[in-house]
Amino acid sequence: MFDKLEEVEKRYEELTNMISDPEVISNQTEWQQLMKEHSSMQDIVAKYREYKKVKKQMEEAKEMMEDKELKELAEAEYYESKEKLPKIEEELKILLIPTDPNDDKSIICEIRAGAGGEEAALFAGTLFRMYSMYAEKNHWKIDVLNENETGLGGYKEISFMITGKGAYSRLKFESGVHRVQRVPDTESSGRIHTSTATVAVMPVAEDVEVDINPSDIKMEVFRASGAGGQHINKTSSAVRLIHEPTGIVVECQTERSQFQNREYAMKMLRSKLYEIEKEKQDRDIANTRKTQVGSGDRSEKIRTYNYPQGRITDHRIGMSIFQMENFLNGDIDEMVDNLIAADRAERLKGEEE
């Protein structure tokens, strides 16, 4: 571990010199990449330097203990430093776990109604409301990109972007199948129904991360539409993009201008293509290590919302919360924190093996 830390510190010092070099600064793309790498190392280098300082203090105190006049004072410093070191070592192990390069990014989220007809569409609406309220609590911006509403106020599908630093780090484990067990408003006999909705969370990809050939994209324009006549335009402002090599189709129809809808549709397409590459890499990693919190596969049932019991259970970590109303009002941090902790523990275990 300490050889690795020495390498990290050496690289950090190299980067410190490079980002001050006028030649590097003149190339903004290179400079930004180096700044990002430099910034990502700051915490671990600071902690490693703290470790070395405490270890040095301990060694110096041990030498001072031989002096009768300083022995008592030196002993106190020695044992204090010795007590600190294991804690700092554990913190260093956690900091050495490779971070997800997408963690700071904004996200595009897609929610689709699954099994359960109108009740599944209503549940998709419930999930959208939950994530919207969570975004508000974190002071993140939310933009609806595309929606297909049903007559009762649910969604067959809805796509939206949450813009804010760290959005992906907090919401990436939401990808998968969410199951609801409740008595629908449409059910007269009071029977509990089980319905599902699928959530997909993708990091927003930057232009430089995905190279798209414009000739590979077919663009169609059409009039926006919505349930109850909402969002109907007299002009063809809605945009559909078809990426012919992959067959990916994205639509955006929530903005009034065709230009804005195309811009958002391109963000969606770029993020979907980026996600395909990311999934390939994740599968390669999963061949050697399966994460405890699951692969994020969209077909994986990750969570059950049981209304009669007022219980939300995440099946990946076996955790249940009995505060349904608060949870659906966006108070999901306890679950998110435990998912992140479980992932970190599993990755730490993988690093040690």
Protein backbone atom coordinates (compact mmCIF):
# COMPACT_ATOMS: atom_id res chain seq x y z
CA MET A 1 0.00 0.00 0.00
CA PHE A 2 2.76 2.46 0.91
CA ASP A 3 4.59 1.91 -2.39
CA LYS A 4 1.36 2.90 -4.12
CA LEU A 5 1.02 5.97 -1.90
CA GLU A 6 4.57 7.02 -2.73
CA GLU A 7 3.70 6.79 -6.44
CA VAL A 8 0.55 8.86 -5.93
CA GLU A 9 2.47 11.57 -4.06
CA LYS A 10 5.18 11.62 -6.74
CA ARG A 11 2.55 11.99 -9.49
CA TYR A 12 0.82 14.73 -7.49
CA GLU A 13 4.06 16.71 -7.28
CA GLU A 14 4.62 16.25 -11.04
CA LEU A 15 1.12 17.53 -11.74
CA THR A 16 1.64 20.51 -9.41
CA ASN A 17 4.57 21.58 -11.59
CA MET A 18 2.79 20.82 -14.88
CA ILE A 19 -0.34 22.87 -14.15
CA SER A 20 1.89 25.90 -13.47
CA ASP A 21 3.71 25.53 -16.80
CA PRO A 22 2.68 28.34 -19.24
CA GLU A 23 2.88 25.90 -22.19
CA VAL A 24 0.42 23.53 -20.53
CA ILE A 25 -1.87 26.40 -19.49
CA SER A 26 -2.04 27.57 -23.11
CA ASN A 27 -3.62 24.21 -24.03
CA GLN A 28 -6.87 24.51 -22.09
CA THR A 29 -8.09 20.97 -22.81
CA GLU A 30 -4.87 19.39 -21.51
CA TRP A 31 -4.71 21.82 -18.57
CA GLN A 32 -8.28 21.02 -17.49
CA GLN A 33 -7.60 17.27 -17.61
CA LEU A 34 -4.44 17.70 -15.52
CA MET A 35 -6.26 19.96 -13.05
CA LYS A 36 -8.97 17.33 -12.67
CA GLU A 37 -6.38 14.61 -12.00
CA HIS A 38 -4.53 16.89 -9.56
CA SER A 39 -7.73 17.72 -7.70
CA SER A 40 -8.69 14.02 -7.44
CA MET A 41 -5.40 13.31 -5.61
CA GLN A 42 -5.50 16.15 -3.08
CA ASP A 43 -7.33 14.29 -0.30
CA ILE A 44 -5.22 11.15 -0.46
CA VAL A 45 -1.91 13.08 -0.63
CA ALA A 46 -2.95 15.26 2.33
CA LYS A 47 -3.88 12.16 4.34
CA TYR A 48 -0.62 10.37 3.40
CA ARG A 49 1.41 13.40 4.46
CA GLU A 50 -0.51 13.44 7.74
CA TYR A 51 0.36 9.75 8.18
CA LYS A 52 4.07 10.41 7.56
CA LYS A 53 4.04 13.37 9.97
CA VAL A 54 2.41 11.34 12.77
CA LYS A 55 4.77 8.40 12.17
CA LYS A 56 7.76 10.74 12.33
CA GLN A 57 6.44 12.26 15.59
CA MET A 58 6.10 8.75 17.02
CA GLU A 59 9.66 7.82 16.04
CA GLU A 60 11.07 11.07 17.45
CA ALA A 61 9.10 10.57 20.68
CA LYS A 62 10.52 7.04 20.99
CA GLU A 63 14.07 8.42 20.79
CA MET A 64 13.24 11.15 23.33
CA MET A 65 11.98 8.51 25.79
CA GLU A 66 15.62 7.61 26.45
CA ASP A 67 16.08 11.04 28.03
CA LYS A 68 14.98 10.76 31.69
CA GLU A 69 13.85 14.38 31.88
CA LEU A 70 11.72 14.13 28.73
CA LYS A 71 10.56 10.53 29.18
CA GLU A 72 7.11 11.28 30.62
CA LEU A 73 6.28 13.89 27.97
CA ALA A 74 7.75 11.75 25.18
CA GLU A 75 5.77 8.68 26.27
CA ALA A 76 2.51 10.63 26.12
CA GLU A 77 3.32 11.83 22.59
CA TYR A 78 4.47 8.37 21.51
CA TYR A 79 1.28 6.59 22.60
CA GLU A 80 -0.92 9.36 21.24
CA SER A 81 0.73 9.05 17.81
CA LYS A 82 0.64 5.25 17.95
CA GLU A 83 -3.10 5.38 18.61
CA LYS A 84 -3.69 7.69 15.64
CA LEU A 85 -1.81 5.63 13.03
CA PRO A 86 -4.25 2.68 12.58
CA LYS A 87 -7.15 5.10 12.06
CA ILE A 88 -5.21 7.05 9.44
CA GLU A 89 -4.20 3.77 7.76
CA GLU A 90 -7.87 2.74 7.44
CA GLU A 91 -8.73 6.14 5.99
CA LEU A 92 -5.89 5.74 3.48
CA LYS A 93 -7.18 2.32 2.41
CA ILE A 94 -10.59 3.85 1.66
CA LEU A 95 -9.03 6.77 -0.21
CA LEU A 96 -6.97 4.36 -2.32
CA ILE A 97 -10.13 2.71 -3.69
CA PRO A 98 -10.41 3.93 -7.30
CA THR A 99 -13.12 6.57 -7.55
CA ASP A 100 -15.80 6.51 -10.21
CA PRO A 101 -14.79 9.20 -12.74
CA ASN A 102 -18.47 9.93 -13.31
CA ASP A 103 -19.34 10.66 -9.68
CA ASP A 104 -19.33 14.46 -10.00
CA LYS A 105 -21.47 14.45 -13.14
CA SER A 106 -25.08 15.42 -13.69
CA ILE A 107 -27.46 12.66 -14.77
CA ILE A 108 -30.12 11.75 -17.27
CA CYS A 109 -32.75 9.50 -15.72
CA GLU A 110 -35.38 7.47 -17.55
CA ILE A 111 -38.34 5.92 -15.75
CA ARG A 112 -40.55 3.46 -17.61
CA ALA A 113 -43.74 1.77 -16.43
CA GLY A 114 -43.30 -2.01 -16.36
CA ALA A 115 -45.77 -4.76 -15.46
CA GLY A 116 -49.06 -3.58 -14.02
CA GLY A 117 -50.75 -1.37 -16.60
CA GLU A 118 -52.12 1.94 -15.31
CA GLU A 119 -50.95 1.19 -11.76
CA ALA A 120 -47.36 0.79 -13.06
CA ALA A 121 -47.67 4.15 -14.84
CA LEU A 122 -48.88 5.79 -11.60
CA PHE A 123 -45.94 4.24 -9.74
CA ALA A 124 -43.56 5.65 -12.39
CA GLY A 125 -45.08 9.04 -11.56
CA THR A 126 -44.50 8.43 -7.85
CA LEU A 127 -40.82 7.66 -8.49
CA PHE A 128 -40.43 10.77 -10.66
CA ARG A 129 -41.91 12.89 -7.87
CA MET A 130 -39.55 11.24 -5.33
CA TYR A 131 -36.43 12.00 -7.39
CA SER A 132 -37.68 15.53 -8.14
CA MET A 133 -38.09 16.24 -4.43
CA TYR A 134 -34.66 14.75 -3.70
CA ALA A 135 -33.14 17.01 -6.37
CA GLU A 136 -34.83 20.03 -4.79
CA LYS A 137 -33.44 19.12 -1.35
CA ASN A 138 -29.95 19.09 -2.87
CA HIS A 139 -30.51 22.34 -4.80
CA TRP A 140 -30.08 20.54 -8.13
CA LYS A 141 -31.83 21.69 -11.30
CA ILE A 142 -34.30 19.33 -12.95
CA ASP A 143 -35.41 19.48 -16.61
CA VAL A 144 -38.00 17.15 -18.12
CA LEU A 145 -36.77 16.04 -21.56
CA ASN A 146 -39.54 13.76 -22.72
CA GLU A 147 -42.76 12.43 -21.20
CA ASN A 148 -45.56 10.12 -22.20
CA GLU A 149 -48.39 10.73 -19.74
CA THR A 150 -51.44 8.59 -19.14
CA GLY A 151 -54.98 9.82 -18.55
CA LEU A 152 -54.79 9.31 -14.76
CA GLY A 153 -51.59 11.32 -14.30
CA GLY A 154 -49.03 8.54 -14.50
CA TYR A 155 -46.27 8.04 -17.04
CA LYS A 156 -45.68 5.28 -19.54
CA GLU A 157 -42.21 6.79 -19.62
CA ILE A 158 -40.48 9.99 -18.59
CA SER A 159 -36.92 11.20 -19.19
CA PHE A 160 -35.38 14.04 -17.24
CA MET A 161 -32.00 15.61 -16.50
CA ILE A 162 -30.78 16.47 -13.00
CA THR A 163 -27.99 19.03 -13.13
CA GLY A 164 -25.78 19.34 -10.07
CA LYS A 165 -22.35 18.31 -8.83
CA GLY A 166 -22.39 14.81 -7.41
CA ALA A 167 -25.83 13.88 -8.74
CA TYR A 168 -24.48 10.67 -10.30
CA SER A 169 -22.61 9.66 -7.12
CA ARG A 170 -25.85 9.88 -5.13
CA LEU A 171 -28.27 8.34 -7.64
CA LYS A 172 -26.28 5.80 -9.66
CA PHE A 173 -27.51 2.86 -7.56
CA GLU A 174 -31.15 3.66 -8.44
CA SER A 175 -30.83 1.86 -11.80
CA GLY A 176 -32.92 -1.30 -11.93
CA VAL A 177 -36.45 -2.58 -11.41
CA HIS A 178 -38.49 -0.97 -8.61
CA ARG A 179 -41.49 -2.99 -7.40
CA VAL A 180 -44.57 -1.61 -5.66
CA GLN A 181 -47.14 -3.56 -3.63
CA ARG A 182 -50.28 -1.54 -2.87
CA VAL A 183 -54.05 -1.37 -3.33
CA PRO A 184 -54.62 0.71 -6.48
CA ASP A 185 -57.18 3.54 -6.49
CA THR A 186 -58.77 1.74 -9.42
CA GLU A 187 -59.27 -1.48 -7.37
CA SER A 188 -62.71 -1.71 -5.79
CA SER A 189 -62.23 -5.00 -3.93
CA GLY A 190 -59.18 -3.81 -1.95
CA ARG A 191 -56.77 -6.40 -3.37
CA ILE A 192 -53.04 -5.67 -3.23
CA HIS A 193 -51.47 -5.40 -6.67
CA THR A 194 -47.81 -5.78 -7.57
CA SER A 195 -46.48 -3.48 -10.29
CA THR A 196 -43.05 -2.47 -11.49
CA ALA A 197 -41.20 0.46 -13.01
CA THR A 198 -37.71 0.49 -14.49
CA VAL A 199 -35.23 3.24 -13.65
CA ALA A 200 -32.10 3.95 -15.70
CA VAL A 201 -29.56 6.51 -14.44
CA MET A 202 -26.87 7.66 -16.87
CA PRO A 203 -24.07 10.20 -16.35
CA VAL A 204 -24.32 13.17 -18.69
CA ALA A 205 -21.49 12.68 -21.18
CA GLU A 206 -19.38 15.62 -22.30
CA ASP A 207 -18.80 16.34 -26.00
CA VAL A 208 -15.17 15.22 -25.76
CA GLU A 209 -16.09 11.83 -24.25
CA VAL A 210 -18.27 10.60 -27.11
CA ASP A 211 -17.44 11.16 -30.75
CA ILE A 212 -20.61 11.09 -32.85
CA ASN A 213 -20.46 11.26 -36.63
CA PRO A 214 -23.23 13.71 -37.70
CA SER A 215 -23.89 11.59 -40.81
CA ASP A 216 -24.88 8.69 -38.51
CA ILE A 217 -27.81 10.68 -37.10
CA LYS A 218 -31.21 10.88 -38.74
CA MET A 219 -33.36 13.71 -37.38
CA GLU A 220 -37.15 13.84 -37.50
CA VAL A 221 -39.34 16.70 -36.31
CA PHE A 222 -42.95 16.46 -35.21
CA ARG A 223 -45.54 18.28 -33.18
CA ALA A 224 -45.31 17.84 -29.43
CA SER A 225 -48.23 16.06 -27.78
CA GLY A 226 -49.37 15.19 -24.31
CA ALA A 227 -52.26 13.85 -22.26
CA GLY A 228 -55.29 16.10 -22.16
CA GLY A 229 -53.95 18.29 -24.91
CA GLN A 230 -50.99 19.55 -22.89
CA HIS A 231 -47.82 20.72 -24.64
CA ILE A 232 -49.46 20.60 -28.07
CA ASN A 233 -47.64 22.92 -30.43
CA LYS A 234 -48.83 24.42 -33.70
CA THR A 235 -45.30 24.05 -35.07
CA SER A 236 -43.10 20.98 -35.39
CA SER A 237 -40.75 21.72 -32.48
CA ALA A 238 -40.40 18.18 -31.08
CA VAL A 239 -37.25 16.33 -32.16
CA ARG A 240 -36.51 12.65 -32.64
CA LEU A 241 -32.93 11.54 -33.26
CA ILE A 242 -32.10 8.09 -34.64
CA HIS A 243 -28.52 6.89 -34.31
CA GLU A 244 -28.38 4.53 -37.28
CA PRO A 245 -25.29 2.42 -36.31
CA THR A 246 -26.85 1.42 -32.96
CA GLY A 247 -30.57 1.94 -33.63
CA ILE A 248 -30.87 4.16 -30.51
CA VAL A 249 -33.85 6.52 -30.70
CA VAL A 250 -34.21 9.57 -28.45
CA GLU A 251 -36.97 12.17 -28.35
CA CYS A 252 -37.32 15.57 -26.73
CA GLN A 253 -40.51 17.58 -26.94
CA THR A 254 -40.77 19.62 -23.74
CA GLU A 255 -39.12 22.81 -25.00
CA ARG A 256 -40.89 25.28 -27.28
CA SER A 257 -37.98 25.65 -29.69
CA GLN A 258 -36.78 22.95 -32.05
CA PHE A 259 -33.17 24.04 -31.40
CA GLN A 260 -33.49 23.49 -27.62
CA ASN A 261 -35.18 20.13 -28.10
CA ARG A 262 -32.40 19.04 -30.47
CA GLU A 263 -29.76 20.17 -27.99
CA TYR A 264 -31.34 18.13 -25.18
CA ALA A 265 -31.89 15.14 -27.51
CA MET A 266 -28.17 15.21 -28.38
CA LYS A 267 -27.32 15.15 -24.65
CA MET A 268 -29.56 12.10 -24.25
CA LEU A 269 -28.03 10.34 -27.26
CA ARG A 270 -24.48 11.12 -26.16
CA SER A 271 -25.21 9.81 -22.65
CA LYS A 272 -26.81 6.62 -23.99
CA LEU A 273 -23.80 5.89 -26.20
CA TYR A 274 -21.47 6.65 -23.29
CA GLU A 275 -23.52 4.29 -21.10
CA ILE A 276 -23.12 1.46 -23.63
CA GLU A 277 -19.33 1.82 -23.42
CA LYS A 278 -19.51 2.09 -19.63
CA GLU A 279 -21.60 -1.10 -19.41
CA LYS A 280 -18.99 -2.97 -21.47
CA GLN A 281 -16.27 -1.85 -19.05
CA ASP A 282 -18.45 -2.72 -16.04
CA ARG A 283 -19.02 -6.22 -17.43
CA ASP A 284 -15.26 -6.69 -17.78
CA ILE A 285 -14.81 -5.64 -14.14
CA ALA A 286 -17.70 -7.88 -13.06
CA ASN A 287 -15.94 -10.89 -14.57
CA THR A 288 -13.37 -10.59 -11.81
CA ARG A 289 -15.49 -8.99 -9.09
CA LYS A 290 -19.26 -8.83 -8.56
CA THR A 291 -20.21 -5.79 -6.45
CA GLN A 292 -22.39 -6.37 -3.43
CA VAL A 293 -24.90 -3.71 -4.42
CA GLY A 294 -25.49 -5.28 -7.82
CA SER A 295 -24.51 -4.53 -11.37
CA GLY A 296 -27.03 -1.76 -11.98
CA ASP A 297 -28.55 -3.98 -14.66
CA ARG A 298 -31.94 -2.62 -15.63
CA SER A 299 -33.50 -6.08 -15.40
CA GLU A 300 -32.39 -6.56 -11.78
CA LYS A 301 -35.12 -6.15 -9.15
CA ILE A 302 -33.50 -3.83 -6.66
CA ARG A 303 -36.20 -2.49 -4.34
CA THR A 304 -39.75 -3.15 -3.10
CA TYR A 305 -42.15 -0.47 -1.86
CA ASN A 306 -44.73 -2.28 0.31
CA TYR A 307 -47.52 0.18 1.13
CA PRO A 308 -49.59 -2.01 3.53
CA GLN A 309 -46.51 -2.48 5.76
CA GLY A 310 -45.16 1.03 5.14
CA ARG A 311 -41.86 -0.60 4.22
CA ILE A 312 -39.20 0.05 1.59
CA THR A 313 -36.70 -2.81 1.19
CA ASP A 314 -33.55 -2.71 -0.88
CA HIS A 315 -32.79 -6.30 -1.85
CA ARG A 316 -29.12 -5.71 -2.67
CA ILE A 317 -28.13 -4.80 0.88
CA GLY A 318 -31.11 -6.31 2.75
CA MET A 319 -32.06 -2.96 4.27
CA SER A 320 -35.62 -1.92 5.15
CA ILE A 321 -36.92 1.54 6.03
CA PHE A 322 -40.35 1.98 7.63
CA GLN A 323 -40.96 5.62 6.71
CA MET A 324 -42.81 5.36 3.42
CA GLU A 325 -44.19 8.90 3.29
CA ASN A 326 -40.85 10.56 4.08
CA PHE A 327 -39.01 8.31 1.63
CA LEU A 328 -41.40 9.08 -1.23
CA ASN A 329 -41.07 12.78 -0.38
CA GLY A 330 -37.39 12.58 -1.31
CA ASP A 331 -35.89 11.66 2.07
CA ILE A 332 -33.78 8.84 0.61
CA ASP A 333 -30.33 9.75 1.98
CA GLU A 334 -30.25 6.97 4.58
CA MET A 335 -30.73 4.34 1.87
CA VAL A 336 -28.31 6.07 -0.51
CA ASP A 337 -25.62 6.33 2.21
CA ASN A 338 -25.91 2.62 3.01
CA LEU A 339 -25.70 1.65 -0.68
CA ILE A 340 -22.56 3.76 -1.08
CA ALA A 341 -21.04 2.27 2.10
CA ALA A 342 -21.79 -1.28 0.92
CA ASP A 343 -20.23 -0.60 -2.47
CA ARG A 344 -17.15 0.93 -0.84
CA ALA A 345 -16.77 -2.05 1.52
CA GLU A 346 -17.04 -4.52 -1.35
CA ARG A 347 -14.52 -2.62 -3.46
CA LEU A 348 -12.13 -2.36 -0.51
CA LYS A 349 -12.44 -6.13 -0.09
CA GLY A 350 -11.71 -6.55 -3.81
CA GLU A 351 -8.59 -4.36 -3.52
CA GLU A 352 -7.28 -6.43 -0.62
CA GLU A 353 -7.78 -9.81 -2.31
